[in-house]
Amino acid sequence: MTELKCSVRSCSFQKDDCCCRGNITVEGAHANRNSETSCGSFEEKKTCGCANSTGEPPKMSDVTCEAVNCKFNEGRKCHAKDIQVAGSNACTCMETECASFCCA
């Protein structure tokens, strides 16, 4: 499990710079830099508030990672201690990125 910080204010799961979703998928199978990754779990915010049942961001999240070139990817799971998802004004998942991506 990974501590997940998120600055994508336009995502329905984002609250207080954290992600309220318990699991996300980082896309970008052939990425060589963070701008070639994206949060495949992004959903554009239609209403305000958090998306999970408690309304509070979980402390840790399960992060599936398709970015096989990232040094934190082990068996399609992110093993970084913490990651940052960026893209503050994103309207689609392609406008987000894993800012913690590090090419192996």
PDB file of N, CA and C in Angstrom:
ATOM      1  N   MET A   1       0.842  -1.178   0.000  1.00  0.00           N
ATOM      2  CA  MET A   1       0.000   0.000   0.000  1.00  0.00           C
ATOM      3  C   MET A   1       0.890   1.245   0.000  1.00  0.00           C
ATOM      4  N   THR A   2       0.379   2.277  -0.624  1.00  0.00           N
ATOM      5  CA  THR A   2       1.142   3.490  -0.862  1.00  0.00           C
ATOM      6  C   THR A   2       0.374   4.704  -0.360  1.00  0.00           C
ATOM      7  N   GLU A   3       1.075   5.661   0.234  1.00  0.00           N
ATOM      8  CA  GLU A   3       0.421   6.916   0.594  1.00  0.00           C
ATOM      9  C   GLU A   3       0.245   7.724  -0.680  1.00  0.00           C
ATOM     10  N   LEU A   4      -0.983   8.085  -0.986  1.00  0.00           N
ATOM     11  CA  LEU A   4      -1.319   8.714  -2.258  1.00  0.00           C
ATOM     12  C   LEU A   4      -1.743  10.153  -2.051  1.00  0.00           C
ATOM     13  N   LYS A   5      -0.947  11.075  -2.569  1.00  0.00           N
ATOM     14  CA  LYS A   5      -1.278  12.497  -2.563  1.00  0.00           C
ATOM     15  C   LYS A   5      -1.775  12.858  -3.956  1.00  0.00           C
ATOM     16  N   CYS A   6      -2.776  13.727  -4.017  1.00  0.00           N
ATOM     17  CA  CYS A   6      -3.356  14.083  -5.307  1.00  0.00           C
ATOM     18  C   CYS A   6      -3.657  15.574  -5.350  1.00  0.00           C
ATOM     19  N   SER A   7      -3.157  16.248  -6.380  1.00  0.00           N
ATOM     20  CA  SER A   7      -3.419  17.678  -6.556  1.00  0.00           C
ATOM     21  C   SER A   7      -4.403  17.933  -7.696  1.00  0.00           C
ATOM     22  N   VAL A   8      -5.079  16.884  -8.160  1.00  0.00           N
ATOM     23  CA  VAL A   8      -6.023  17.003  -9.274  1.00  0.00           C
ATOM     24  C   VAL A   8      -7.377  17.446  -8.707  1.00  0.00           C
ATOM     25  N   ARG A   9      -7.527  18.743  -8.527  1.00  0.00           N
ATOM     26  CA  ARG A   9      -8.724  19.298  -7.884  1.00  0.00           C
ATOM     27  C   ARG A   9     -10.001  19.074  -8.679  1.00  0.00           C
ATOM     28  N   SER A  10      -9.881  18.772  -9.946  1.00  0.00           N
ATOM     29  CA  SER A  10     -11.058  18.543 -10.791  1.00  0.00           C
ATOM     30  C   SER A  10     -11.542  17.093 -10.742  1.00  0.00           C
ATOM     31  N   CYS A  11     -10.878  16.240  -9.963  1.00  0.00           N
ATOM     32  CA  CYS A  11     -11.278  14.832  -9.857  1.00  0.00           C
ATOM     33  C   CYS A  11     -12.282  14.650  -8.722  1.00  0.00           C
ATOM     34  N   SER A  12     -13.287  13.844  -8.963  1.00  0.00           N
ATOM     35  CA  SER A  12     -14.331  13.619  -7.956  1.00  0.00           C
ATOM     36  C   SER A  12     -13.815  12.894  -6.716  1.00  0.00           C
ATOM     37  N   PHE A  13     -12.653  12.253  -6.796  1.00  0.00           N
ATOM     38  CA  PHE A  13     -12.101  11.515  -5.657  1.00  0.00           C
ATOM     39  C   PHE A  13     -11.132  12.343  -4.815  1.00  0.00           C
ATOM     40  N   GLN A  14     -10.768  13.539  -5.266  1.00  0.00           N
ATOM     41  CA  GLN A  14      -9.774  14.354  -4.587  1.00  0.00           C
ATOM     42  C   GLN A  14     -10.398  15.180  -3.470  1.00  0.00           C
ATOM     43  N   LYS A  15      -9.743  15.159  -2.304  1.00  0.00           N
ATOM     44  CA  LYS A  15     -10.161  15.994  -1.178  1.00  0.00           C
ATOM     45  C   LYS A  15      -8.936  16.284  -0.326  1.00  0.00           C
ATOM     46  N   ASP A  16      -8.724  17.542  -0.028  1.00  0.00           N
ATOM     47  CA  ASP A  16      -7.620  17.943   0.856  1.00  0.00           C
ATOM     48  C   ASP A  16      -6.277  17.382   0.398  1.00  0.00           C
ATOM     49  N   ASP A  17      -6.001  17.452  -0.910  1.00  0.00           N
ATOM     50  CA  ASP A  17      -4.753  16.971  -1.516  1.00  0.00           C
ATOM     51  C   ASP A  17      -4.523  15.475  -1.343  1.00  0.00           C
ATOM     52  N   CYS A  18      -5.590  14.733  -1.094  1.00  0.00           N
ATOM     53  CA  CYS A  18      -5.526  13.277  -1.002  1.00  0.00           C
ATOM     54  C   CYS A  18      -6.555  12.659  -1.939  1.00  0.00           C
ATOM     55  N   CYS A  19      -6.431  11.371  -2.160  1.00  0.00           N
ATOM     56  CA  CYS A  19      -7.371  10.635  -3.001  1.00  0.00           C
ATOM     57  C   CYS A  19      -8.284   9.810  -2.102  1.00  0.00           C
ATOM     58  N   CYS A  20      -9.600   9.987  -2.272  1.00  0.00           N
ATOM     59  CA  CYS A  20     -10.578   9.260  -1.450  1.00  0.00           C
ATOM     60  C   CYS A  20     -10.866   7.866  -1.982  1.00  0.00           C
ATOM     61  N   ARG A  21     -10.357   7.558  -3.149  1.00  0.00           N
ATOM     62  CA  ARG A  21     -10.564   6.232  -3.719  1.00  0.00           C
ATOM     63  C   ARG A  21      -9.543   5.290  -3.086  1.00  0.00           C
ATOM     64  N   GLY A  22      -9.910   4.115  -2.722  1.00  0.00           N
ATOM     65  CA  GLY A  22      -9.006   3.176  -2.060  1.00  0.00           C
ATOM     66  C   GLY A  22      -7.999   2.522  -2.983  1.00  0.00           C
ATOM     67  N   ASN A  23      -8.239   2.636  -4.294  1.00  0.00           N
ATOM     68  CA  ASN A  23      -7.306   2.055  -5.266  1.00  0.00           C
ATOM     69  C   ASN A  23      -7.354   2.860  -6.556  1.00  0.00           C
ATOM     70  N   ILE A  24      -6.216   2.983  -7.212  1.00  0.00           N
ATOM     71  CA  ILE A  24      -6.149   3.659  -8.508  1.00  0.00           C
ATOM     72  C   ILE A  24      -5.274   2.838  -9.446  1.00  0.00           C
ATOM     73  N   THR A  25      -5.348   3.182 -10.729  1.00  0.00           N
ATOM     74  CA  THR A  25      -4.475   2.582 -11.732  1.00  0.00           C
ATOM     75  C   THR A  25      -3.681   3.684 -12.409  1.00  0.00           C
ATOM     76  N   VAL A  26      -2.358   3.561 -12.385  1.00  0.00           N
ATOM     77  CA  VAL A  26      -1.489   4.467 -13.126  1.00  0.00           C
ATOM     78  C   VAL A  26      -1.264   3.837 -14.490  1.00  0.00           C
ATOM     79  N   GLU A  27      -1.629   4.569 -15.542  1.00  0.00           N
ATOM     80  CA  GLU A  27      -1.469   4.085 -16.911  1.00  0.00           C
ATOM     81  C   GLU A  27      -0.199   4.661 -17.522  1.00  0.00           C
ATOM     82  N   GLY A  28       0.234   4.046 -18.611  1.00  0.00           N
ATOM     83  CA  GLY A  28       1.433   4.495 -19.309  1.00  0.00           C
ATOM     84  C   GLY A  28       2.416   3.353 -19.461  1.00  0.00           C
ATOM     85  N   ALA A  29       1.966   2.286 -20.083  1.00  0.00           N
ATOM     86  CA  ALA A  29       2.757   1.056 -20.180  1.00  0.00           C
ATOM     87  C   ALA A  29       4.156   1.281 -20.742  1.00  0.00           C
ATOM     88  N   HIS A  30       4.305   2.212 -21.670  1.00  0.00           N
ATOM     89  CA  HIS A  30       5.611   2.433 -22.304  1.00  0.00           C
ATOM     90  C   HIS A  30       6.228   3.767 -21.889  1.00  0.00           C
ATOM     91  N   ALA A  31       5.779   4.323 -20.778  1.00  0.00           N
ATOM     92  CA  ALA A  31       6.246   5.633 -20.317  1.00  0.00           C
ATOM     93  C   ALA A  31       7.732   5.620 -19.988  1.00  0.00           C
ATOM     94  N   ASN A  32       8.391   6.717 -20.353  1.00  0.00           N
ATOM     95  CA  ASN A  32       9.788   6.933 -19.995  1.00  0.00           C
ATOM     96  C   ASN A  32       9.960   8.199 -19.161  1.00  0.00           C
ATOM     97  N   ARG A  33       8.869   8.935 -18.955  1.00  0.00           N
ATOM     98  CA  ARG A  33       8.857  10.125 -18.107  1.00  0.00           C
ATOM     99  C   ARG A  33       7.444  10.301 -17.552  1.00  0.00           C
ATOM    100  N   ASN A  34       7.326  11.059 -16.474  1.00  0.00           N
ATOM    101  CA  ASN A  34       6.025  11.162 -15.806  1.00  0.00           C
ATOM    102  C   ASN A  34       4.938  11.753 -16.690  1.00  0.00           C
ATOM    103  N   SER A  35       5.273  12.606 -17.638  1.00  0.00           N
ATOM    104  CA  SER A  35       4.263  13.191 -18.527  1.00  0.00           C
ATOM    105  C   SER A  35       3.640  12.148 -19.456  1.00  0.00           C
ATOM    106  N   GLU A  36       4.219  10.965 -19.527  1.00  0.00           N
ATOM    107  CA  GLU A  36       3.676   9.879 -20.354  1.00  0.00           C
ATOM    108  C   GLU A  36       2.827   8.907 -19.526  1.00  0.00           C
ATOM    109  N   THR A  37       2.585   9.242 -18.267  1.00  0.00           N
ATOM    110  CA  THR A  37       1.718   8.438 -17.400  1.00  0.00           C
ATOM    111  C   THR A  37       0.407   9.188 -17.180  1.00  0.00           C
ATOM    112  N   SER A  38      -0.571   8.510 -16.632  1.00  0.00           N
ATOM    113  CA  SER A  38      -1.839   9.160 -16.277  1.00  0.00           C
ATOM    114  C   SER A  38      -2.538   8.338 -15.204  1.00  0.00           C
ATOM    115  N   CYS A  39      -3.478   8.983 -14.533  1.00  0.00           N
ATOM    116  CA  CYS A  39      -4.297   8.279 -13.549  1.00  0.00           C
ATOM    117  C   CYS A  39      -5.533   7.769 -14.271  1.00  0.00           C
ATOM    118  N   GLY A  40      -5.580   6.480 -14.511  1.00  0.00           N
ATOM    119  CA  GLY A  40      -6.697   5.869 -15.218  1.00  0.00           C
ATOM    120  C   GLY A  40      -7.973   5.840 -14.401  1.00  0.00           C
ATOM    121  N   SER A  41      -7.891   6.185 -13.134  1.00  0.00           N
ATOM    122  CA  SER A  41      -9.060   6.184 -12.253  1.00  0.00           C
ATOM    123  C   SER A  41      -9.692   7.569 -12.117  1.00  0.00           C
ATOM    124  N   PHE A  42      -9.129   8.559 -12.815  1.00  0.00           N
ATOM    125  CA  PHE A  42      -9.662   9.922 -12.774  1.00  0.00           C
ATOM    126  C   PHE A  42     -11.112   9.964 -13.229  1.00  0.00           C
ATOM    127  N   GLU A  43     -11.927  10.677 -12.486  1.00  0.00           N
ATOM    128  CA  GLU A  43     -13.309  10.961 -12.881  1.00  0.00           C
ATOM    129  C   GLU A  43     -13.551  12.438 -12.633  1.00  0.00           C
ATOM    130  N   GLU A  44     -13.945  13.141 -13.673  1.00  0.00           N
ATOM    131  CA  GLU A  44     -14.168  14.579 -13.537  1.00  0.00           C
ATOM    132  C   GLU A  44     -15.248  14.862 -12.501  1.00  0.00           C
ATOM    133  N   LYS A  45     -14.964  15.827 -11.646  1.00  0.00           N
ATOM    134  CA  LYS A  45     -15.881  16.183 -10.562  1.00  0.00           C
ATOM    135  C   LYS A  45     -17.131  16.840 -11.137  1.00  0.00           C
ATOM    136  N   LYS A  46     -18.275  16.273 -10.829  1.00  0.00           N
ATOM    137  CA  LYS A  46     -19.560  16.840 -11.245  1.00  0.00           C
ATOM    138  C   LYS A  46     -20.227  17.547 -10.077  1.00  0.00           C
ATOM    139  N   THR A  47     -19.958  17.060  -8.869  1.00  0.00           N
ATOM    140  CA  THR A  47     -20.490  17.663  -7.648  1.00  0.00           C
ATOM    141  C   THR A  47     -19.339  17.797  -6.671  1.00  0.00           C
ATOM    142  N   CYS A  48     -19.567  18.476  -5.577  1.00  0.00           N
ATOM    143  CA  CYS A  48     -18.495  18.607  -4.592  1.00  0.00           C
ATOM    144  C   CYS A  48     -18.530  17.431  -3.619  1.00  0.00           C
ATOM    145  N   GLY A  49     -17.434  17.222  -2.956  1.00  0.00           N
ATOM    146  CA  GLY A  49     -17.391  16.183  -1.931  1.00  0.00           C
ATOM    147  C   GLY A  49     -16.522  15.016  -2.309  1.00  0.00           C
ATOM    148  N   CYS A  50     -16.390  14.125  -1.367  1.00  0.00           N
ATOM    149  CA  CYS A  50     -15.540  12.955  -1.510  1.00  0.00           C
ATOM    150  C   CYS A  50     -16.369  11.754  -1.934  1.00  0.00           C
ATOM    151  N   ALA A  51     -15.734  10.793  -2.586  1.00  0.00           N
ATOM    152  CA  ALA A  51     -16.472   9.692  -3.191  1.00  0.00           C
ATOM    153  C   ALA A  51     -16.563   8.424  -2.348  1.00  0.00           C
ATOM    154  N   ASN A  52     -15.829   8.324  -1.259  1.00  0.00           N
ATOM    155  CA  ASN A  52     -15.938   7.076  -0.498  1.00  0.00           C
ATOM    156  C   ASN A  52     -16.988   7.191   0.602  1.00  0.00           C
ATOM    157  N   SER A  53     -17.320   6.100   1.238  1.00  0.00           N
ATOM    158  CA  SER A  53     -18.438   6.070   2.179  1.00  0.00           C
ATOM    159  C   SER A  53     -18.188   6.866   3.454  1.00  0.00           C
ATOM    160  N   THR A  54     -16.946   7.022   3.872  1.00  0.00           N
ATOM    161  CA  THR A  54     -16.666   7.758   5.103  1.00  0.00           C
ATOM    162  C   THR A  54     -16.462   9.237   4.849  1.00  0.00           C
ATOM    163  N   GLY A  55     -16.207   9.609   3.605  1.00  0.00           N
ATOM    164  CA  GLY A  55     -15.962  11.006   3.283  1.00  0.00           C
ATOM    165  C   GLY A  55     -14.569  11.469   3.636  1.00  0.00           C
ATOM    166  N   GLU A  56     -13.727  10.582   4.096  1.00  0.00           N
ATOM    167  CA  GLU A  56     -12.358  10.915   4.468  1.00  0.00           C
ATOM    168  C   GLU A  56     -11.380  10.136   3.607  1.00  0.00           C
ATOM    169  N   PRO A  57     -10.288  10.781   3.188  1.00  0.00           N
ATOM    170  CA  PRO A  57      -9.287  10.069   2.400  1.00  0.00           C
ATOM    171  C   PRO A  57      -8.654   8.939   3.208  1.00  0.00           C
ATOM    172  N   PRO A  58      -8.457   7.758   2.594  1.00  0.00           N
ATOM    173  CA  PRO A  58      -7.764   6.679   3.299  1.00  0.00           C
ATOM    174  C   PRO A  58      -6.294   7.037   3.480  1.00  0.00           C
ATOM    175  N   LYS A  59      -5.679   6.519   4.503  1.00  0.00           N
ATOM    176  CA  LYS A  59      -4.257   6.798   4.742  1.00  0.00           C
ATOM    177  C   LYS A  59      -3.377   6.153   3.679  1.00  0.00           C
ATOM    178  N   MET A  60      -3.757   4.964   3.227  1.00  0.00           N
ATOM    179  CA  MET A  60      -2.963   4.239   2.241  1.00  0.00           C
ATOM    180  C   MET A  60      -3.873   3.780   1.112  1.00  0.00           C
ATOM    181  N   SER A  61      -3.321   3.671  -0.086  1.00  0.00           N
ATOM    182  CA  SER A  61      -4.092   3.247  -1.251  1.00  0.00           C
ATOM    183  C   SER A  61      -3.367   2.133  -1.981  1.00  0.00           C
ATOM    184  N   ASP A  62      -4.139   1.301  -2.634  1.00  0.00           N
ATOM    185  CA  ASP A  62      -3.606   0.243  -3.480  1.00  0.00           C
ATOM    186  C   ASP A  62      -3.434   0.834  -4.875  1.00  0.00           C
ATOM    187  N   VAL A  63      -2.202   0.874  -5.374  1.00  0.00           N
ATOM    188  CA  VAL A  63      -1.920   1.497  -6.664  1.00  0.00           C
ATOM    189  C   VAL A  63      -1.446   0.438  -7.648  1.00  0.00           C
ATOM    190  N   THR A  64      -2.303   0.143  -8.629  1.00  0.00           N
ATOM    191  CA  THR A  64      -1.909  -0.724  -9.738  1.00  0.00           C
ATOM    192  C   THR A  64      -1.128   0.144 -10.708  1.00  0.00           C
ATOM    193  N   CYS A  65       0.017  -0.338 -11.160  1.00  0.00           N
ATOM    194  CA  CYS A  65       0.881   0.464 -12.024  1.00  0.00           C
ATOM    195  C   CYS A  65       1.171  -0.276 -13.324  1.00  0.00           C
ATOM    196  N   GLU A  66       0.765   0.341 -14.426  1.00  0.00           N
ATOM    197  CA  GLU A  66       1.039  -0.228 -15.743  1.00  0.00           C
ATOM    198  C   GLU A  66       2.323   0.331 -16.349  1.00  0.00           C
ATOM    199  N   ALA A  67       2.965   1.275 -15.665  1.00  0.00           N
ATOM    200  CA  ALA A  67       4.202   1.887 -16.149  1.00  0.00           C
ATOM    201  C   ALA A  67       5.377   0.961 -15.821  1.00  0.00           C
ATOM    202  N   VAL A  68       5.611  -0.009 -16.689  1.00  0.00           N
ATOM    203  CA  VAL A  68       6.606  -1.051 -16.418  1.00  0.00           C
ATOM    204  C   VAL A  68       8.031  -0.517 -16.328  1.00  0.00           C
ATOM    205  N   ASN A  69       8.287   0.684 -16.855  1.00  0.00           N
ATOM    206  CA  ASN A  69       9.629   1.254 -16.796  1.00  0.00           C
ATOM    207  C   ASN A  69       9.903   2.017 -15.506  1.00  0.00           C
ATOM    208  N   CYS A  70       8.919   2.109 -14.623  1.00  0.00           N
ATOM    209  CA  CYS A  70       9.109   2.831 -13.361  1.00  0.00           C
ATOM    210  C   CYS A  70       9.830   1.938 -12.355  1.00  0.00           C
ATOM    211  N   LYS A  71      10.801   2.512 -11.657  1.00  0.00           N
ATOM    212  CA  LYS A  71      11.573   1.714 -10.694  1.00  0.00           C
ATOM    213  C   LYS A  71      10.736   1.270  -9.496  1.00  0.00           C
ATOM    214  N   PHE A  72       9.576   1.887  -9.270  1.00  0.00           N
ATOM    215  CA  PHE A  72       8.717   1.505  -8.151  1.00  0.00           C
ATOM    216  C   PHE A  72       7.720   0.415  -8.520  1.00  0.00           C
ATOM    217  N   ASN A  73       7.652   0.050  -9.800  1.00  0.00           N
ATOM    218  CA  ASN A  73       6.703  -0.959 -10.272  1.00  0.00           C
ATOM    219  C   ASN A  73       7.277  -2.352 -10.021  1.00  0.00           C
ATOM    220  N   GLU A  74       6.577  -3.106  -9.195  1.00  0.00           N
ATOM    221  CA  GLU A  74       6.947  -4.498  -8.933  1.00  0.00           C
ATOM    222  C   GLU A  74       5.701  -5.348  -9.108  1.00  0.00           C
ATOM    223  N   GLY A  75       5.661  -6.094 -10.194  1.00  0.00           N
ATOM    224  CA  GLY A  75       4.513  -6.957 -10.452  1.00  0.00           C
ATOM    225  C   GLY A  75       3.220  -6.188 -10.656  1.00  0.00           C
ATOM    226  N   ARG A  76       3.316  -5.043 -11.327  1.00  0.00           N
ATOM    227  CA  ARG A  76       2.180  -4.157 -11.625  1.00  0.00           C
ATOM    228  C   ARG A  76       1.584  -3.507 -10.377  1.00  0.00           C
ATOM    229  N   LYS A  77       2.350  -3.436  -9.318  1.00  0.00           N
ATOM    230  CA  LYS A  77       1.942  -2.721  -8.105  1.00  0.00           C
ATOM    231  C   LYS A  77       3.000  -1.677  -7.784  1.00  0.00           C
ATOM    232  N   CYS A  78       2.545  -0.500  -7.345  1.00  0.00           N
ATOM    233  CA  CYS A  78       3.477   0.550  -6.955  1.00  0.00           C
ATOM    234  C   CYS A  78       3.997   0.254  -5.558  1.00  0.00           C
ATOM    235  N   HIS A  79       5.313   0.244  -5.418  1.00  0.00           N
ATOM    236  CA  HIS A  79       5.936  -0.012  -4.128  1.00  0.00           C
ATOM    237  C   HIS A  79       6.671   1.213  -3.596  1.00  0.00           C
ATOM    238  N   ALA A  80       6.343   2.392  -4.140  1.00  0.00           N
ATOM    239  CA  ALA A  80       6.891   3.628  -3.582  1.00  0.00           C
ATOM    240  C   ALA A  80       6.234   3.877  -2.231  1.00  0.00           C
ATOM    241  N   LYS A  81       6.963   4.486  -1.326  1.00  0.00           N
ATOM    242  CA  LYS A  81       6.401   4.805  -0.009  1.00  0.00           C
ATOM    243  C   LYS A  81       5.216   5.756  -0.160  1.00  0.00           C
ATOM    244  N   ASP A  82       5.367   6.738  -1.034  1.00  0.00           N
ATOM    245  CA  ASP A  82       4.277   7.663  -1.317  1.00  0.00           C
ATOM    246  C   ASP A  82       4.409   8.151  -2.756  1.00  0.00           C
ATOM    247  N   ILE A  83       3.278   8.510  -3.348  1.00  0.00           N
ATOM    248  CA  ILE A  83       3.294   9.041  -4.707  1.00  0.00           C
ATOM    249  C   ILE A  83       2.411  10.277  -4.778  1.00  0.00           C
ATOM    250  N   GLN A  84       2.648  11.063  -5.828  1.00  0.00           N
ATOM    251  CA  GLN A  84       1.886  12.278  -6.082  1.00  0.00           C
ATOM    252  C   GLN A  84       1.275  12.179  -7.470  1.00  0.00           C
ATOM    253  N   VAL A  85      -0.041  12.338  -7.544  1.00  0.00           N
ATOM    254  CA  VAL A  85      -0.727  12.430  -8.828  1.00  0.00           C
ATOM    255  C   VAL A  85      -0.977  13.910  -9.073  1.00  0.00           C
ATOM    256  N   ALA A  86      -0.617  14.397 -10.269  1.00  0.00           N
ATOM    257  CA  ALA A  86      -0.717  15.820 -10.595  1.00  0.00           C
ATOM    258  C   ALA A  86      -1.594  16.044 -11.819  1.00  0.00           C
ATOM    259  N   GLY A  87      -2.001  17.297 -11.986  1.00  0.00           N
ATOM    260  CA  GLY A  87      -2.839  17.707 -13.110  1.00  0.00           C
ATOM    261  C   GLY A  87      -4.011  18.520 -12.613  1.00  0.00           C
ATOM    262  N   SER A  88      -3.728  19.622 -11.945  1.00  0.00           N
ATOM    263  CA  SER A  88      -4.734  20.353 -11.175  1.00  0.00           C
ATOM    264  C   SER A  88      -6.000  20.731 -11.932  1.00  0.00           C
ATOM    265  N   ASN A  89      -5.911  21.046 -13.212  1.00  0.00           N
ATOM    266  CA  ASN A  89      -7.099  21.457 -13.968  1.00  0.00           C
ATOM    267  C   ASN A  89      -7.521  20.424 -15.002  1.00  0.00           C
ATOM    268  N   ALA A  90      -7.228  19.171 -14.752  1.00  0.00           N
ATOM    269  CA  ALA A  90      -7.509  18.098 -15.710  1.00  0.00           C
ATOM    270  C   ALA A  90      -9.004  17.959 -15.985  1.00  0.00           C
ATOM    271  N   CYS A  91      -9.317  17.670 -17.246  1.00  0.00           N
ATOM    272  CA  CYS A  91     -10.695  17.354 -17.644  1.00  0.00           C
ATOM    273  C   CYS A  91     -10.807  15.895 -18.064  1.00  0.00           C
ATOM    274  N   THR A  92      -9.665  15.263 -18.343  1.00  0.00           N
ATOM    275  CA  THR A  92      -9.617  13.852 -18.719  1.00  0.00           C
ATOM    276  C   THR A  92      -8.435  13.209 -18.002  1.00  0.00           C
ATOM    277  N   CYS A  93      -8.412  11.887 -17.979  1.00  0.00           N
ATOM    278  CA  CYS A  93      -7.297  11.200 -17.323  1.00  0.00           C
ATOM    279  C   CYS A  93      -5.972  11.491 -18.029  1.00  0.00           C
ATOM    280  N   MET A  94      -6.011  11.767 -19.329  1.00  0.00           N
ATOM    281  CA  MET A  94      -4.779  12.036 -20.074  1.00  0.00           C
ATOM    282  C   MET A  94      -4.127  13.356 -19.665  1.00  0.00           C
ATOM    283  N   GLU A  95      -4.836  14.184 -18.922  1.00  0.00           N
ATOM    284  CA  GLU A  95      -4.286  15.450 -18.434  1.00  0.00           C
ATOM    285  C   GLU A  95      -3.753  15.321 -17.006  1.00  0.00           C
ATOM    286  N   THR A  96      -3.692  14.077 -16.510  1.00  0.00           N
ATOM    287  CA  THR A  96      -3.119  13.805 -15.193  1.00  0.00           C
ATOM    288  C   THR A  96      -1.799  13.070 -15.388  1.00  0.00           C
ATOM    289  N   GLU A  97      -1.015  12.957 -14.337  1.00  0.00           N
ATOM    290  CA  GLU A  97       0.228  12.186 -14.420  1.00  0.00           C
ATOM    291  C   GLU A  97       0.672  11.750 -13.038  1.00  0.00           C
ATOM    292  N   CYS A  98       1.448  10.683 -13.023  1.00  0.00           N
ATOM    293  CA  CYS A  98       2.095  10.250 -11.793  1.00  0.00           C
ATOM    294  C   CYS A  98       3.389  11.050 -11.682  1.00  0.00           C
ATOM    295  N   ALA A  99       3.378  12.061 -10.826  1.00  0.00           N
ATOM    296  CA  ALA A  99       4.540  12.934 -10.676  1.00  0.00           C
ATOM    297  C   ALA A  99       5.704  12.220  -9.994  1.00  0.00           C
ATOM    298  N   SER A 100       5.454  11.041  -9.440  1.00  0.00           N
ATOM    299  CA  SER A 100       6.495  10.274  -8.756  1.00  0.00           C
ATOM    300  C   SER A 100       7.162   9.239  -9.653  1.00  0.00           C
ATOM    301  N   PHE A 101       6.719   9.145 -10.916  1.00  0.00           N
ATOM    302  CA  PHE A 101       7.314   8.195 -11.854  1.00  0.00           C
ATOM    303  C   PHE A 101       8.816   8.426 -11.928  1.00  0.00           C
ATOM    304  N   CYS A 102       9.575   7.348 -11.890  1.00  0.00           N
ATOM    305  CA  CYS A 102      11.028   7.423 -11.993  1.00  0.00           C
ATOM    306  C   CYS A 102      11.491   6.273 -12.881  1.00  0.00           C
ATOM    307  N   CYS A 103      12.034   6.614 -14.030  1.00  0.00           N
ATOM    308  CA  CYS A 103      12.449   5.600 -14.996  1.00  0.00           C
ATOM    309  C   CYS A 103      13.569   4.746 -14.406  1.00  0.00           C
ATOM    310  N   ALA A 104      13.392   3.444 -14.499  1.00  0.00           N
ATOM    311  CA  ALA A 104      14.355   2.497 -13.932  1.00  0.00           C
ATOM    312  C   ALA A 104      15.659   2.500 -14.701  1.00  0.00           C
TER     313      ALA A 104
END
